[in-house]
Amino acid sequence: MQNKLFVGNLSWETTDESLSSFFSTVGEVTEAKVIVDKFKGRSKGFGFVTMATDELATEAIDQLNGKELDGRAINVSVARPPREDGDRGDRRDNFYR
């Protein structure tokens, strides 16, 4: 198990600080980052949280998956590493190639 978690279905109002605070109810958070659209300057609706240990990450998934944060039921799972081929899995841009 990894200690880096993917958090989906975030509200546009969720910040790095509020995400960290929410997860710190389970245990020590070493990093919390909401991914922001560089053009619009608002949340893309997902982020990543790194817990201090694998055990805390497991507890965070068990305790916080489906819980409400800023009015939205969030999805919490283990973060997958980026693909080696650089493909993010978004096939919409293949239309323009």
C-alpha atoms as a PDB file:
ATOM      1  CA  MET A   1       0.000   0.000   0.000  1.00  0.00           C
ATOM      2  CA  GLN A   2       1.095   3.539  -0.642  1.00  0.00           C
ATOM      3  CA  ASN A   3       0.615   6.503   1.620  1.00  0.00           C
ATOM      4  CA  LYS A   4      -0.288   8.868  -1.259  1.00  0.00           C
ATOM      5  CA  LEU A   5      -4.028   9.110  -1.828  1.00  0.00           C
ATOM      6  CA  PHE A   6      -6.169  10.351  -4.692  1.00  0.00           C
ATOM      7  CA  VAL A   7      -9.159  12.438  -3.588  1.00  0.00           C
ATOM      8  CA  GLY A   8     -11.911  12.978  -6.129  1.00  0.00           C
ATOM      9  CA  ASN A   9     -15.209  14.860  -6.332  1.00  0.00           C
ATOM     10  CA  LEU A  10     -13.838  17.912  -4.507  1.00  0.00           C
ATOM     11  CA  SER A  11     -15.764  21.149  -4.378  1.00  0.00           C
ATOM     12  CA  TRP A  12     -14.307  24.129  -6.225  1.00  0.00           C
ATOM     13  CA  GLU A  13     -14.092  25.841  -2.829  1.00  0.00           C
ATOM     14  CA  THR A  14     -11.801  23.198  -1.326  1.00  0.00           C
ATOM     15  CA  THR A  15      -8.284  24.468  -0.623  1.00  0.00           C
ATOM     16  CA  ASP A  16      -4.999  22.757   0.233  1.00  0.00           C
ATOM     17  CA  GLU A  17      -5.493  23.859   3.840  1.00  0.00           C
ATOM     18  CA  SER A  18      -9.072  22.595   4.177  1.00  0.00           C
ATOM     19  CA  LEU A  19      -8.115  19.279   2.552  1.00  0.00           C
ATOM     20  CA  SER A  20      -5.184  18.862   4.934  1.00  0.00           C
ATOM     21  CA  SER A  21      -7.328  19.752   7.927  1.00  0.00           C
ATOM     22  CA  PHE A  22     -10.008  17.244   6.911  1.00  0.00           C
ATOM     23  CA  PHE A  23      -7.515  14.385   6.560  1.00  0.00           C
ATOM     24  CA  SER A  24      -5.635  15.322   9.731  1.00  0.00           C
ATOM     25  CA  THR A  25      -8.644  14.060  11.706  1.00  0.00           C
ATOM     26  CA  VAL A  26      -7.301  10.581  10.865  1.00  0.00           C
ATOM     27  CA  GLY A  27      -3.618  11.291  11.500  1.00  0.00           C
ATOM     28  CA  GLU A  28      -0.527  13.155  10.346  1.00  0.00           C
ATOM     29  CA  VAL A  29      -0.736  14.625   6.845  1.00  0.00           C
ATOM     30  CA  THR A  30       2.617  15.343   5.201  1.00  0.00           C
ATOM     31  CA  GLU A  31       1.171  17.008   2.088  1.00  0.00           C
ATOM     32  CA  ALA A  32      -2.231  17.986   0.703  1.00  0.00           C
ATOM     33  CA  LYS A  33      -2.607  19.450  -2.761  1.00  0.00           C
ATOM     34  CA  VAL A  34      -5.753  20.441  -4.653  1.00  0.00           C
ATOM     35  CA  ILE A  35      -5.073  20.399  -8.396  1.00  0.00           C
ATOM     36  CA  VAL A  36      -5.933  23.795  -9.891  1.00  0.00           C
ATOM     37  CA  ASP A  37      -6.739  24.637 -13.508  1.00  0.00           C
ATOM     38  CA  LYS A  38      -3.961  26.987 -14.581  1.00  0.00           C
ATOM     39  CA  PHE A  39      -6.248  28.986 -16.870  1.00  0.00           C
ATOM     40  CA  LYS A  40      -9.349  29.285 -14.695  1.00  0.00           C
ATOM     41  CA  GLY A  41      -7.537  29.397 -11.357  1.00  0.00           C
ATOM     42  CA  ARG A  42     -10.012  27.057  -9.652  1.00  0.00           C
ATOM     43  CA  SER A  43      -9.984  23.474  -8.505  1.00  0.00           C
ATOM     44  CA  LYS A  44     -10.225  20.740 -11.111  1.00  0.00           C
ATOM     45  CA  GLY A  45     -12.241  18.728  -8.591  1.00  0.00           C
ATOM     46  CA  PHE A  46      -9.497  16.410  -7.403  1.00  0.00           C
ATOM     47  CA  GLY A  47      -6.327  16.408  -5.376  1.00  0.00           C
ATOM     48  CA  PHE A  48      -3.744  14.324  -3.572  1.00  0.00           C
ATOM     49  CA  VAL A  49      -3.032  13.758   0.108  1.00  0.00           C
ATOM     50  CA  THR A  50       0.081  12.108   1.474  1.00  0.00           C
ATOM     51  CA  MET A  51      -0.322  10.558   4.896  1.00  0.00           C
ATOM     52  CA  ALA A  52       2.654   9.955   7.213  1.00  0.00           C
ATOM     53  CA  THR A  53       2.373   6.145   7.044  1.00  0.00           C
ATOM     54  CA  ASP A  54       0.740   3.442   4.954  1.00  0.00           C
ATOM     55  CA  GLU A  55      -1.404   2.508   7.960  1.00  0.00           C
ATOM     56  CA  LEU A  56      -2.774   6.053   8.226  1.00  0.00           C
ATOM     57  CA  ALA A  57      -3.496   6.035   4.498  1.00  0.00           C
ATOM     58  CA  THR A  58      -5.516   2.839   4.896  1.00  0.00           C
ATOM     59  CA  GLU A  59      -7.414   4.368   7.817  1.00  0.00           C
ATOM     60  CA  ALA A  60      -8.090   7.532   5.812  1.00  0.00           C
ATOM     61  CA  ILE A  61      -9.593   5.496   2.972  1.00  0.00           C
ATOM     62  CA  ASP A  62     -11.741   3.504   5.398  1.00  0.00           C
ATOM     63  CA  GLN A  63     -12.907   6.524   7.400  1.00  0.00           C
ATOM     64  CA  LEU A  64     -13.194   9.300   4.808  1.00  0.00           C
ATOM     65  CA  ASN A  65     -14.250   7.697   1.520  1.00  0.00           C
ATOM     66  CA  GLY A  66     -17.810   8.868   0.862  1.00  0.00           C
ATOM     67  CA  LYS A  67     -17.718  11.497   3.631  1.00  0.00           C
ATOM     68  CA  GLU A  68     -18.794  15.059   2.955  1.00  0.00           C
ATOM     69  CA  LEU A  69     -16.219  17.834   2.527  1.00  0.00           C
ATOM     70  CA  ASP A  70     -17.386  21.325   1.533  1.00  0.00           C
ATOM     71  CA  GLY A  71     -20.801  19.970   0.555  1.00  0.00           C
ATOM     72  CA  ARG A  72     -19.575  17.087  -1.650  1.00  0.00           C
ATOM     73  CA  ALA A  73     -19.195  13.366  -0.941  1.00  0.00           C
ATOM     74  CA  ILE A  74     -15.524  12.742  -1.715  1.00  0.00           C
ATOM     75  CA  ASN A  75     -13.887   9.645  -3.192  1.00  0.00           C
ATOM     76  CA  VAL A  76     -10.656   8.496  -1.561  1.00  0.00           C
ATOM     77  CA  SER A  77      -8.386   5.815  -3.015  1.00  0.00           C
ATOM     78  CA  VAL A  78      -4.715   4.943  -3.396  1.00  0.00           C
ATOM     79  CA  ALA A  79      -3.072   7.223  -5.958  1.00  0.00           C
ATOM     80  CA  ARG A  80      -1.775   5.454  -9.034  1.00  0.00           C
ATOM     81  CA  PRO A  81       1.676   6.399 -10.319  1.00  0.00           C
ATOM     82  CA  PRO A  82       1.820   8.315 -13.605  1.00  0.00           C
ATOM     83  CA  ARG A  83       1.963   6.156 -16.707  1.00  0.00           C
ATOM     84  CA  GLU A  84       5.442   5.676 -18.119  1.00  0.00           C
ATOM     85  CA  ASP A  85       4.333   6.394 -21.693  1.00  0.00           C
ATOM     86  CA  GLY A  86       3.215   9.896 -20.652  1.00  0.00           C
ATOM     87  CA  ASP A  87      -0.397   9.191 -21.623  1.00  0.00           C
ATOM     88  CA  ARG A  88      -2.757  10.535 -18.979  1.00  0.00           C
ATOM     89  CA  GLY A  89      -5.559   8.318 -20.236  1.00  0.00           C
ATOM     90  CA  ASP A  90      -7.515  11.219 -21.729  1.00  0.00           C
ATOM     91  CA  ARG A  91      -8.467  10.101 -25.223  1.00  0.00           C
ATOM     92  CA  ARG A  92     -10.360  13.272 -26.169  1.00  0.00           C
ATOM     93  CA  ASP A  93      -7.191  14.914 -27.473  1.00  0.00           C
ATOM     94  CA  ASN A  94      -6.550  12.045 -29.914  1.00  0.00           C
ATOM     95  CA  PHE A  95      -9.157  13.592 -32.198  1.00  0.00           C
ATOM     96  CA  TYR A  96      -6.797  16.469 -32.955  1.00  0.00           C
ATOM     97  CA  ARG A  97      -3.706  14.370 -33.701  1.00  0.00           C
END
